[in-house]
N, C-alpha and C. Protein backbone atom coordinates (compact mmCIF):
# COMPACT_ATOMS: atom_id res chain seq x y z
N UNK A 1 121.17 128.49 140.71
CA UNK A 1 119.70 128.42 140.65
C UNK A 1 119.40 127.81 139.01
N UNK A 2 118.40 126.82 139.41
CA UNK A 2 118.25 126.09 137.88
C UNK A 2 117.04 127.06 137.26
N UNK A 3 117.32 127.35 136.14
CA UNK A 3 115.97 128.42 135.21
C UNK A 3 115.00 127.11 134.88
N UNK A 4 113.41 127.62 135.61
CA UNK A 4 112.60 126.47 135.11
C UNK A 4 111.82 127.13 133.58
N UNK A 5 111.84 128.35 133.38
CA UNK A 5 111.96 129.29 132.38
C UNK A 5 112.79 130.09 131.61
N UNK A 6 112.84 129.56 130.50
CA UNK A 6 114.28 130.34 129.56
C UNK A 6 113.54 131.12 128.55
N UNK A 7 114.39 131.98 127.71
CA UNK A 7 113.96 133.13 127.00
C UNK A 7 115.15 133.48 125.96
N UNK A 8 115.05 133.95 124.78
CA UNK A 8 116.29 134.57 124.16
C UNK A 8 116.16 135.73 124.18
N UNK A 9 117.50 136.20 124.70
CA UNK A 9 117.58 137.65 125.34
C UNK A 9 118.41 137.92 124.15
N UNK A 10 117.77 139.06 123.49
CA UNK A 10 118.31 139.50 121.94
C UNK A 10 119.71 140.57 121.95
N UNK A 11 120.26 140.49 123.06
CA UNK A 11 121.56 141.63 123.40
C UNK A 11 122.62 140.98 124.02
N UNK A 12 123.44 141.71 123.68
CA UNK A 12 125.09 141.81 124.79
C UNK A 12 125.02 143.04 125.52
N UNK A 13 125.45 142.58 126.63
CA UNK A 13 125.60 144.08 127.58
C UNK A 13 125.98 145.01 126.97
N UNK A 14 126.93 145.06 126.24
CA UNK A 14 127.89 145.92 125.73
C UNK A 14 126.86 146.73 124.44
N UNK A 15 125.88 146.35 124.40
CA UNK A 15 124.78 147.01 123.27
C UNK A 15 123.68 147.76 124.09
N UNK A 16 123.65 147.60 125.43
CA UNK A 16 122.51 148.10 125.91
C UNK A 16 122.81 149.48 126.19
N UNK A 17 122.01 150.47 125.57
CA UNK A 17 122.64 151.91 125.88
C UNK A 17 121.07 152.50 126.01
N UNK A 18 119.91 152.27 126.51
CA UNK A 18 118.70 152.88 126.62
C UNK A 18 117.95 151.53 127.63
N UNK A 19 117.57 152.21 128.63
CA UNK A 19 116.60 151.36 129.48
C UNK A 19 115.69 152.34 129.95
N UNK A 20 114.21 151.64 130.47
CA UNK A 20 113.17 152.69 130.57
C UNK A 20 112.48 152.23 131.81
N UNK A 21 111.75 153.10 132.37
CA UNK A 21 110.95 152.53 133.34
C UNK A 21 109.48 153.29 133.20
N UNK A 22 108.24 152.41 133.60
CA UNK A 22 106.90 152.80 133.22
C UNK A 22 105.91 152.84 134.13
N UNK A 23 105.12 153.80 134.75
CA UNK A 23 104.44 153.76 135.85
C UNK A 23 102.64 154.40 135.21
N UNK A 24 102.16 153.96 136.05
CA UNK A 24 100.91 154.75 135.80
C UNK A 24 100.51 155.12 137.50
N UNK A 25 100.03 156.40 137.30
CA UNK A 25 99.24 156.82 138.57
C UNK A 25 97.39 157.00 138.23
N UNK A 26 97.06 157.81 139.10
CA UNK A 26 95.25 158.04 139.00
C UNK A 26 95.22 158.96 139.72
N UNK A 27 94.56 159.97 138.80
CA UNK A 27 94.09 161.68 139.25
C UNK A 27 92.96 161.31 140.27
N UNK A 28 92.87 162.60 140.93
CA UNK A 28 91.32 162.53 141.66
C UNK A 28 89.98 162.58 140.80
N UNK A 29 90.32 162.75 139.67
CA UNK A 29 89.27 162.74 138.65
C UNK A 29 88.94 161.57 137.88
N UNK A 30 89.90 160.37 138.16
CA UNK A 30 90.16 158.70 137.89
C UNK A 30 90.60 158.68 136.41
N UNK A 31 91.39 159.62 136.09
CA UNK A 31 92.14 159.58 135.02
C UNK A 31 93.33 159.17 135.50
N UNK A 32 93.60 158.00 133.87
CA UNK A 32 95.24 157.31 133.97
C UNK A 32 95.97 158.10 133.75
N UNK A 33 97.12 158.30 134.61
CA UNK A 33 98.23 159.31 133.96
C UNK A 33 99.79 158.22 133.82
N UNK A 34 100.17 158.08 132.31
CA UNK A 34 100.93 156.88 132.14
C UNK A 34 102.20 157.98 131.58
N UNK A 35 103.31 157.31 132.67
CA UNK A 35 104.75 157.69 132.01
C UNK A 35 105.98 157.15 132.12
N UNK A 36 106.66 157.30 130.98
CA UNK A 36 107.86 156.66 130.42
C UNK A 36 108.74 157.58 130.71
N UNK A 37 109.98 157.05 131.60
CA UNK A 37 110.95 157.44 131.28
C UNK A 37 112.14 156.78 130.75
N UNK A 38 113.15 157.11 129.93
CA UNK A 38 114.09 156.62 128.92
C UNK A 38 115.46 157.04 129.52
N UNK A 39 116.14 156.26 129.76
CA UNK A 39 117.42 156.61 131.11
C UNK A 39 118.74 155.86 130.11
N UNK A 40 119.73 156.73 130.12
CA UNK A 40 120.83 156.21 129.12
C UNK A 40 121.58 155.01 130.66
N UNK A 41 122.04 154.04 129.57
CA UNK A 41 122.98 152.73 130.22
C UNK A 41 124.13 152.94 130.03
N UNK A 42 124.81 152.84 131.10
CA UNK A 42 124.84 152.74 132.51
C UNK A 42 124.58 153.66 133.15
N UNK A 43 124.81 155.23 132.61
CA UNK A 43 125.08 156.32 133.64
C UNK A 43 123.90 156.62 134.36
N UNK A 44 122.69 156.17 133.62
CA UNK A 44 121.35 156.44 134.20
C UNK A 44 120.83 157.42 134.24
N UNK A 45 121.25 158.44 133.23
CA UNK A 45 121.12 159.91 133.39
C UNK A 45 119.42 159.88 132.36
N UNK A 46 118.40 160.34 132.64
CA UNK A 46 117.04 160.81 132.29
C UNK A 46 117.60 161.58 130.82
N UNK A 47 117.06 160.92 129.85
CA UNK A 47 117.18 161.42 128.50
C UNK A 47 116.03 161.87 127.66
N UNK A 48 114.61 161.22 127.88
CA UNK A 48 113.48 161.29 127.66
C UNK A 48 112.27 161.00 128.81
N UNK A 49 111.56 161.50 128.51
CA UNK A 49 109.95 161.42 129.41
C UNK A 49 109.23 161.53 128.68
N UNK A 50 108.13 160.96 128.39
CA UNK A 50 106.33 160.56 127.49
C UNK A 50 105.49 160.49 128.71
N UNK A 51 104.65 161.40 128.55
CA UNK A 51 103.14 161.14 129.28
C UNK A 51 102.08 161.29 128.32
N UNK A 52 101.07 160.29 129.01
CA UNK A 52 99.74 160.11 128.71
C UNK A 52 98.75 160.13 129.51
N UNK A 53 97.76 161.08 129.14
CA UNK A 53 96.46 160.75 130.35
C UNK A 53 95.21 160.23 129.64
N UNK A 54 94.82 159.43 130.04
CA UNK A 54 93.31 159.00 129.40
C UNK A 54 92.30 158.33 130.72
N UNK A 55 91.07 158.30 130.57
CA UNK A 55 90.28 157.66 131.28
C UNK A 55 90.20 156.46 130.80
N UNK A 56 90.32 155.36 131.86
CA UNK A 56 90.19 153.74 131.83
C UNK A 56 89.10 153.64 131.39
N UNK A 57 88.74 152.26 130.45
CA UNK A 57 87.72 151.89 129.99
C UNK A 57 87.25 150.72 130.86
N UNK A 58 88.79 150.05 131.68
CA UNK A 58 88.55 148.48 132.07
C UNK A 58 88.33 148.77 133.54
N UNK A 59 87.28 148.45 134.04
CA UNK A 59 87.63 148.50 135.57
C UNK A 59 88.66 147.37 136.44
N UNK A 60 89.12 147.93 137.65
CA UNK A 60 90.10 147.36 138.58
C UNK A 60 89.83 146.10 138.78
N UNK A 61 90.65 144.85 138.15
CA UNK A 61 89.80 143.49 138.62
C UNK A 61 91.92 142.70 139.13
N UNK A 62 91.48 142.39 139.98
CA UNK A 62 93.06 141.67 140.41
C UNK A 62 93.67 140.56 139.55
N UNK A 63 94.55 140.97 138.77
CA UNK A 63 95.56 140.11 137.88
C UNK A 63 95.25 140.44 136.59
N UNK A 64 94.22 141.45 135.98
CA UNK A 64 93.69 141.92 134.86
C UNK A 64 94.52 143.34 134.82
N UNK A 65 95.28 143.71 135.39
CA UNK A 65 95.97 145.61 135.52
C UNK A 65 96.40 145.36 133.97
N UNK A 66 96.90 144.87 133.26
CA UNK A 66 97.22 145.67 131.78
C UNK A 66 95.97 145.62 130.84
N UNK A 67 94.95 145.58 131.05
CA UNK A 67 93.49 145.50 130.51
C UNK A 67 93.63 146.88 131.05
N UNK A 68 93.61 147.26 132.33
CA UNK A 68 93.43 149.04 132.60
C UNK A 68 94.15 149.66 131.93
N UNK A 69 95.40 149.53 132.34
CA UNK A 69 96.96 150.35 132.34
C UNK A 69 97.32 150.50 131.04
N UNK A 70 97.06 148.89 130.38
CA UNK A 70 97.83 148.98 128.43
C UNK A 70 97.53 150.39 127.69
N UNK A 71 96.39 151.08 127.67
CA UNK A 71 96.01 151.79 126.52
C UNK A 71 96.91 153.04 126.58
N UNK A 72 96.98 153.14 128.26
CA UNK A 72 97.79 154.59 128.60
C UNK A 72 99.01 154.32 128.31
N UNK A 73 99.77 153.35 129.12
CA UNK A 73 100.95 152.93 128.45
C UNK A 73 101.44 152.62 126.99
N UNK A 74 100.73 152.32 125.94
CA UNK A 74 100.81 152.43 124.45
C UNK A 74 100.86 153.81 124.19
N UNK A 75 99.86 154.42 124.39
CA UNK A 75 99.78 155.23 124.22
C UNK A 75 101.07 156.97 124.48
N UNK A 76 101.52 156.54 125.77
CA UNK A 76 102.69 157.11 126.30
C UNK A 76 103.89 156.49 125.71
N UNK A 77 104.41 155.36 125.68
CA UNK A 77 105.38 155.14 124.59
C UNK A 77 105.44 155.35 123.26
N UNK A 78 104.46 155.64 122.38
CA UNK A 78 104.07 155.76 121.29
C UNK A 78 104.43 157.04 120.83
N UNK A 79 105.12 157.64 121.96
CA UNK A 79 105.45 159.28 122.06
C UNK A 79 106.75 159.22 121.98
N UNK A 80 107.44 158.17 122.15
CA UNK A 80 108.78 158.27 122.73
C UNK A 80 109.80 158.54 121.07
N UNK A 81 110.47 159.32 120.89
CA UNK A 81 111.60 159.65 119.96
C UNK A 81 112.88 158.58 119.95
N UNK A 82 113.12 157.97 121.37
CA UNK A 82 114.11 156.98 121.50
C UNK A 82 113.68 155.42 121.54
N UNK A 83 114.02 154.29 121.33
CA UNK A 83 113.22 153.35 121.59
C UNK A 83 114.12 152.56 122.49
N UNK A 84 113.75 151.88 123.80
CA UNK A 84 114.61 151.65 124.82
C UNK A 84 114.67 149.99 124.54
N UNK A 85 115.75 149.36 124.79
CA UNK A 85 116.06 147.87 124.78
C UNK A 85 115.91 147.49 126.01
N UNK A 86 115.51 147.89 127.15
CA UNK A 86 114.98 146.76 128.33
C UNK A 86 114.03 147.84 128.55
N UNK A 87 112.52 147.34 128.76
CA UNK A 87 111.76 148.13 129.96
C UNK A 87 111.59 147.79 131.30
N UNK A 88 111.61 148.39 132.29
CA UNK A 88 110.71 147.98 133.88
C UNK A 88 109.53 148.43 133.88
N UNK A 89 109.11 147.22 134.58
CA UNK A 89 107.81 147.58 135.22
C UNK A 89 107.30 147.52 136.24
N UNK A 90 106.72 148.55 137.20
CA UNK A 90 106.45 148.48 138.74
C UNK A 90 105.36 147.31 138.74
N UNK A 91 105.41 146.11 138.29
CA UNK A 91 104.35 144.96 138.48
C UNK A 91 105.07 143.41 138.06
N UNK A 92 104.18 142.51 137.85
CA UNK A 92 104.86 141.07 137.72
C UNK A 92 104.84 140.90 136.35
N UNK A 93 105.54 140.23 135.77
CA UNK A 93 106.03 139.54 134.55
C UNK A 93 105.28 138.25 134.42
N UNK A 94 105.98 137.02 134.88
CA UNK A 94 105.16 135.64 134.74
C UNK A 94 104.80 134.88 135.87
N UNK A 95 105.71 135.54 136.84
CA UNK A 95 105.32 135.08 138.59
C UNK A 95 103.29 135.81 138.64
N UNK A 96 102.73 135.56 137.79
CA UNK A 96 101.28 135.80 137.38
C UNK A 96 100.46 134.65 137.69
N UNK A 97 99.25 134.95 138.35
CA UNK A 97 98.29 133.28 137.93
C UNK A 97 98.35 132.71 136.84
N UNK A 98 98.13 133.38 135.65
CA UNK A 98 98.21 133.13 134.55
C UNK A 98 99.37 133.04 133.76
N UNK A 99 100.39 133.58 134.22
CA UNK A 99 101.49 133.32 133.73
C UNK A 99 101.81 134.61 132.57
N UNK A 100 100.95 135.53 132.77
CA UNK A 100 101.12 136.93 131.87
C UNK A 100 100.55 138.07 132.65
N UNK A 101 101.26 138.76 133.41
CA UNK A 101 101.44 139.91 134.09
C UNK A 101 101.87 141.14 133.56
N UNK A 102 101.49 142.30 134.05
CA UNK A 102 101.82 143.46 133.56
C UNK A 102 102.81 143.67 132.48
N UNK A 103 104.23 143.06 132.90
CA UNK A 103 105.31 143.21 132.36
C UNK A 103 105.48 142.29 131.29
N UNK A 104 104.65 141.33 131.14
CA UNK A 104 104.76 140.36 130.15
C UNK A 104 103.89 140.69 129.02
N UNK A 105 102.61 141.55 129.44
CA UNK A 105 101.33 141.18 128.58
C UNK A 105 102.10 142.68 127.91
N UNK A 106 102.31 143.83 128.10
CA UNK A 106 102.91 144.96 127.35
C UNK A 106 104.17 144.75 126.95
N UNK A 107 105.56 143.96 127.32
CA UNK A 107 106.52 143.66 126.75
C UNK A 107 106.32 143.08 125.37
N UNK A 108 105.32 142.07 125.41
CA UNK A 108 104.94 141.42 123.99
C UNK A 108 103.84 142.35 123.07
N UNK A 109 103.39 143.21 123.67
CA UNK A 109 102.19 144.13 122.90
C UNK A 109 103.26 145.61 122.39
N UNK A 110 104.08 145.89 122.87
CA UNK A 110 105.19 147.15 122.71
C UNK A 110 106.13 146.39 122.15
N UNK A 111 106.19 144.87 122.09
CA UNK A 111 107.80 144.35 121.37
C UNK A 111 108.84 144.62 121.64
N UNK A 112 109.21 144.73 123.03
CA UNK A 112 110.53 145.29 123.83
C UNK A 112 110.60 143.94 124.91
N UNK A 113 111.90 144.03 125.13
CA UNK A 113 112.05 143.16 126.29
C UNK A 113 112.21 143.68 127.60
N UNK A 114 111.20 143.12 128.54
CA UNK A 114 110.74 143.60 129.55
C UNK A 114 111.11 142.79 131.17
N UNK A 115 110.91 143.76 131.91
CA UNK A 115 111.18 143.13 133.31
C UNK A 115 110.21 143.60 134.14
N UNK A 116 109.44 142.67 135.30
CA UNK A 116 108.62 143.12 136.18
C UNK A 116 109.37 143.18 137.56
N UNK A 117 109.12 144.21 138.26
CA UNK A 117 109.66 144.72 139.58
C UNK A 117 108.66 144.71 140.54
N UNK A 118 108.30 143.81 141.48
CA UNK A 118 106.96 144.53 142.19
C UNK A 118 107.16 144.44 143.74
N UNK A 119 106.77 145.06 144.29
CA UNK A 119 106.85 145.03 145.75
C UNK A 119 106.41 144.07 146.70
N UNK A 120 105.47 143.71 146.42
CA UNK A 120 105.00 141.93 146.87
C UNK A 120 104.48 141.21 145.96
N UNK A 121 104.65 139.83 146.33
CA UNK A 121 104.20 138.78 145.63
C UNK A 121 102.92 139.00 145.28
N UNK A 122 102.63 138.07 144.01
CA UNK A 122 101.16 137.97 143.65
C UNK A 122 100.87 136.39 143.93
N UNK A 123 101.92 135.92 143.63
CA UNK A 123 101.60 134.03 143.33
C UNK A 123 103.18 133.41 143.75
N UNK A 124 102.96 132.44 144.09
CA UNK A 124 104.04 131.42 144.39
C UNK A 124 104.71 131.20 146.01
N UNK A 125 105.80 130.64 146.16
CA UNK A 125 106.27 130.25 147.79
C UNK A 125 108.11 130.59 147.49
N UNK A 126 108.55 130.82 148.70
CA UNK A 126 109.58 131.66 148.33
C UNK A 126 110.06 131.54 150.25
N UNK A 127 111.36 131.34 149.70
CA UNK A 127 112.26 131.47 151.31
C UNK A 127 112.93 132.77 151.38
N UNK A 128 112.97 133.67 152.68
CA UNK A 128 113.80 134.61 152.34
C UNK A 128 115.00 134.72 152.00
N UNK A 129 115.59 136.14 151.08
CA UNK A 129 116.84 135.98 150.64
C UNK A 129 117.61 136.49 151.67
N UNK A 130 118.87 136.38 151.66
CA UNK A 130 119.94 136.75 152.30
C UNK A 130 119.95 138.39 152.81
N UNK A 131 120.53 138.65 153.99
CA UNK A 131 120.76 140.11 153.65
C UNK A 131 121.52 141.16 153.21
N UNK A 132 122.47 140.60 152.54
CA UNK A 132 123.23 141.53 151.75
C UNK A 132 122.68 142.03 150.42
N UNK A 133 123.01 142.95 149.82
CA UNK A 133 122.89 143.34 148.22
C UNK A 133 123.17 142.35 147.58
N UNK A 134 122.24 141.80 146.51
CA UNK A 134 122.01 140.88 145.57
C UNK A 134 122.15 139.37 146.21
N UNK A 135 121.53 139.38 147.23
CA UNK A 135 121.03 138.01 147.89
C UNK A 135 119.59 137.84 147.19
N UNK A 136 119.22 136.47 146.66
CA UNK A 136 118.00 136.01 146.40
C UNK A 136 117.56 134.98 146.68
N UNK A 137 116.58 134.56 146.38
CA UNK A 137 115.53 133.03 146.37
C UNK A 137 114.63 132.97 145.17
N UNK A 138 114.71 131.75 144.72
CA UNK A 138 113.78 131.47 143.76
C UNK A 138 112.46 131.62 144.51
N UNK A 139 111.57 132.04 143.90
CA UNK A 139 110.31 131.88 143.60
C UNK A 139 109.27 130.85 142.79
N UNK A 140 108.70 130.05 143.26
CA UNK A 140 108.32 128.63 142.69
C UNK A 140 106.87 128.76 142.72
N UNK A 141 106.26 128.45 141.69
CA UNK A 141 104.58 128.34 141.57
C UNK A 141 104.26 127.30 140.31
N UNK A 142 103.13 126.44 140.74
CA UNK A 142 103.18 125.21 140.25
C UNK A 142 103.75 124.69 139.92
N UNK A 143 105.21 124.23 140.58
CA UNK A 143 106.04 123.26 140.47
C UNK A 143 107.07 124.08 139.25
N UNK A 144 107.28 125.30 139.12
CA UNK A 144 108.52 125.68 138.27
C UNK A 144 108.75 126.95 139.25
N UNK A 145 110.03 127.54 138.74
CA UNK A 145 110.53 129.06 139.16
C UNK A 145 109.99 129.82 137.93
N UNK A 146 109.48 130.94 138.62
CA UNK A 146 109.02 132.32 137.64
C UNK A 146 109.66 133.37 138.48
N UNK A 147 110.30 133.30 139.05
CA UNK A 147 111.00 134.71 139.23
C UNK A 147 111.87 134.39 140.46
N UNK A 148 112.47 135.79 141.21
CA UNK A 148 113.01 135.65 141.86
C UNK A 148 112.68 136.34 143.32
N UNK A 149 112.67 136.43 144.48
CA UNK A 149 113.40 137.68 145.72
C UNK A 149 114.17 138.30 145.78
N UNK A 150 114.57 139.16 145.33
CA UNK A 150 116.12 139.95 145.27
C UNK A 150 116.10 141.26 146.50
N UNK A 151 117.20 141.01 147.11
CA UNK A 151 117.52 141.88 148.07
C UNK A 151 118.48 142.96 147.30
N UNK A 152 117.65 144.06 147.25
CA UNK A 152 118.61 145.04 146.22
C UNK A 152 119.35 146.06 147.09
N UNK A 153 119.23 146.19 148.42
CA UNK A 153 119.98 147.03 149.57
C UNK A 153 120.23 146.08 150.73
N UNK A 154 121.14 146.14 151.33
CA UNK A 154 121.64 145.66 152.13
C UNK A 154 120.34 145.83 153.83
N UNK A 155 119.63 144.72 154.10
CA UNK A 155 118.45 145.28 154.92
C UNK A 155 117.61 145.54 155.01
N UNK A 156 117.67 145.40 153.54
CA UNK A 156 116.05 146.53 153.25
C UNK A 156 115.25 144.99 152.66
N UNK A 157 113.73 145.43 152.78
CA UNK A 157 112.69 144.31 151.88
C UNK A 157 113.13 144.25 150.92
N UNK A 158 113.11 143.17 150.46
CA UNK A 158 113.55 142.50 148.95
C UNK A 158 112.49 142.87 147.73
N UNK A 159 112.86 143.00 146.69
CA UNK A 159 111.56 143.07 145.61
C UNK A 159 111.54 141.82 145.11
N UNK A 160 110.83 141.50 144.17
CA UNK A 160 109.98 140.78 143.65
C UNK A 160 110.41 140.73 142.11
N UNK A 161 111.64 139.78 141.23
CA UNK A 161 111.83 140.17 140.27
C UNK A 161 111.00 138.67 138.97
N UNK A 162 110.23 138.83 138.09
CA UNK A 162 109.90 137.82 137.26
C UNK A 162 110.09 138.63 135.86
N UNK A 163 110.75 137.55 134.67
CA UNK A 163 110.79 137.93 133.37
C UNK A 163 109.80 138.53 132.77
N UNK A 164 109.56 139.69 132.02
CA UNK A 164 108.47 140.00 131.45
C UNK A 164 108.61 139.37 129.82
N UNK A 165 109.56 139.96 129.04
CA UNK A 165 109.33 139.41 127.99
C UNK A 165 110.72 139.35 127.28
N UNK A 166 110.94 138.17 126.19
CA UNK A 166 112.32 138.15 125.81
C UNK A 166 113.48 137.79 126.59
N UNK A 167 113.36 137.68 127.77
CA UNK A 167 114.24 137.56 128.93
C UNK A 167 114.22 136.43 129.73
N UNK A 168 115.31 135.85 130.23
CA UNK A 168 115.30 134.60 131.79
C UNK A 168 115.58 135.46 132.95
N UNK A 169 115.31 134.17 133.82
CA UNK A 169 115.23 135.04 135.13
C UNK A 169 116.57 135.34 135.81
N UNK A 170 117.39 134.62 135.47
CA UNK A 170 118.91 134.90 136.15
C UNK A 170 118.96 136.66 135.46
N UNK A 171 119.09 136.57 134.04
CA UNK A 171 119.04 137.88 133.46
C UNK A 171 118.04 138.89 134.19
N UNK A 172 117.09 138.79 134.08
CA UNK A 172 116.58 140.04 134.73
C UNK A 172 116.72 140.27 136.23
N UNK A 173 116.75 139.22 136.98
CA UNK A 173 117.43 139.65 138.21
C UNK A 173 119.05 140.83 138.13
N UNK A 174 120.02 140.00 137.14
CA UNK A 174 121.13 140.61 136.90
C UNK A 174 120.76 142.01 136.73
N UNK A 175 120.00 142.18 135.56
CA UNK A 175 119.89 143.91 135.10
C UNK A 175 118.95 144.55 135.98
N UNK A 176 118.24 143.76 136.86
CA UNK A 176 117.59 144.95 138.06
C UNK A 176 118.50 145.26 138.87
N UNK A 177 119.64 144.15 139.64
CA UNK A 177 120.22 145.02 139.86
C UNK A 177 121.79 146.27 139.28
N UNK A 178 121.83 145.96 137.69
CA UNK A 178 122.39 146.90 137.30
C UNK A 178 121.87 148.30 137.26
N UNK A 179 120.78 148.25 137.39
CA UNK A 179 119.95 149.81 137.39
C UNK A 179 119.45 150.03 138.58
N UNK A 180 119.48 149.61 139.85
CA UNK A 180 118.83 150.08 140.94
C UNK A 180 120.50 150.67 141.76
N UNK A 181 120.17 152.04 142.13
CA UNK A 181 121.10 152.40 142.86
C UNK A 181 120.98 152.56 144.17
N UNK A 182 120.63 153.73 144.73
CA UNK A 182 120.77 153.56 146.61
C UNK A 182 119.30 153.64 147.04
N UNK A 183 118.35 153.01 146.10
CA UNK A 183 117.02 153.13 146.81
C UNK A 183 116.78 151.52 146.77
N UNK A 184 115.52 151.21 147.01
CA UNK A 184 115.26 149.68 146.87
C UNK A 184 114.87 149.15 145.41
N UNK A 185 113.82 150.11 144.97
CA UNK A 185 113.59 149.75 143.69
C UNK A 185 114.12 150.36 142.90
N UNK A 186 114.04 149.39 141.50
CA UNK A 186 115.31 150.12 140.59
C UNK A 186 115.11 151.91 139.69
N UNK A 187 115.95 152.62 139.57
CA UNK A 187 115.82 153.88 138.93
C UNK A 187 114.83 154.00 137.99
N UNK A 188 115.02 153.31 137.11
CA UNK A 188 113.84 153.44 136.27
C UNK A 188 112.30 153.46 136.35
N UNK A 189 111.92 152.73 137.60
CA UNK A 189 110.79 152.65 137.89
C UNK A 189 110.52 153.75 139.16
N UNK A 190 111.66 153.75 139.67
CA UNK A 190 111.57 155.13 140.30
C UNK A 190 111.52 156.39 140.12
N UNK A 191 112.00 156.68 139.15
CA UNK A 191 111.84 157.81 138.65
C UNK A 191 110.49 158.04 137.64
N UNK A 192 110.16 157.06 137.13
CA UNK A 192 108.63 157.10 136.50
C UNK A 192 107.46 157.02 137.62
N UNK A 193 108.04 156.82 138.73
CA UNK A 193 106.78 156.76 139.62
C UNK A 193 106.70 158.01 139.77
N UNK A 194 107.77 158.78 140.38
CA UNK A 194 108.23 160.43 141.14
C UNK A 194 107.56 160.95 140.13
N UNK A 195 107.61 160.79 138.75
CA UNK A 195 107.15 161.72 137.72
C UNK A 195 105.48 161.83 137.44
N UNK A 196 105.20 160.64 137.43
CA UNK A 196 103.66 159.97 137.72
C UNK A 196 102.86 160.70 138.41
N UNK A 197 103.46 160.86 139.77
CA UNK A 197 103.01 161.75 140.93
C UNK A 197 102.76 162.99 140.61
N UNK A 198 103.92 163.53 140.14
CA UNK A 198 103.98 164.85 139.68
C UNK A 198 102.78 165.42 138.83
N UNK A 199 102.94 164.06 138.07
CA UNK A 199 101.60 164.78 136.94
C UNK A 199 100.43 164.75 137.48
N UNK A 200 100.18 163.82 138.34
CA UNK A 200 98.65 163.73 139.10
C UNK A 200 98.35 164.99 139.71
N UNK A 201 99.35 165.55 140.16
CA UNK A 201 99.26 166.64 140.93
C UNK A 201 98.91 167.83 140.09
């Protein structure tokens, strides 16, 4: 696959020891609950969890999710004692109408390498990938490749991976596979979602 968007990835694989997942949920009173889960790599053992709760001040507008969820994410992230080298978001990176989805916006704001892994596409055209784990096809939008449709488990619905900050498309795909276990979504965001839902209750 010819990469249309290239970023400088600042690490070697052997340098990566900490990855993180971020998720935001909403309770019945309208508060946003942001959770950051830091995992050891490659074991994916949970090392640290940070939680923050805020009332959003920005309305829900499709395509502007980072303005609504960014403040609670930043507050939760600031509580961490460990700084992850790669952060995964349940959302889009550059595969976004303006090229700046949640993973891109927050990756820049937090100063971290970030990857967006979404369950549904937001923009672009693509062909279905093959049925085997690791099969993928490019997502094209306005004449350039902005991500991939990635099969993380055999014969299971794919996910949509796009670079957030300081990482290329191929590297974002490869790292998503490296942190994905037996489930469809990567462990960092899967665990963050479970914990944010628990906090909501």
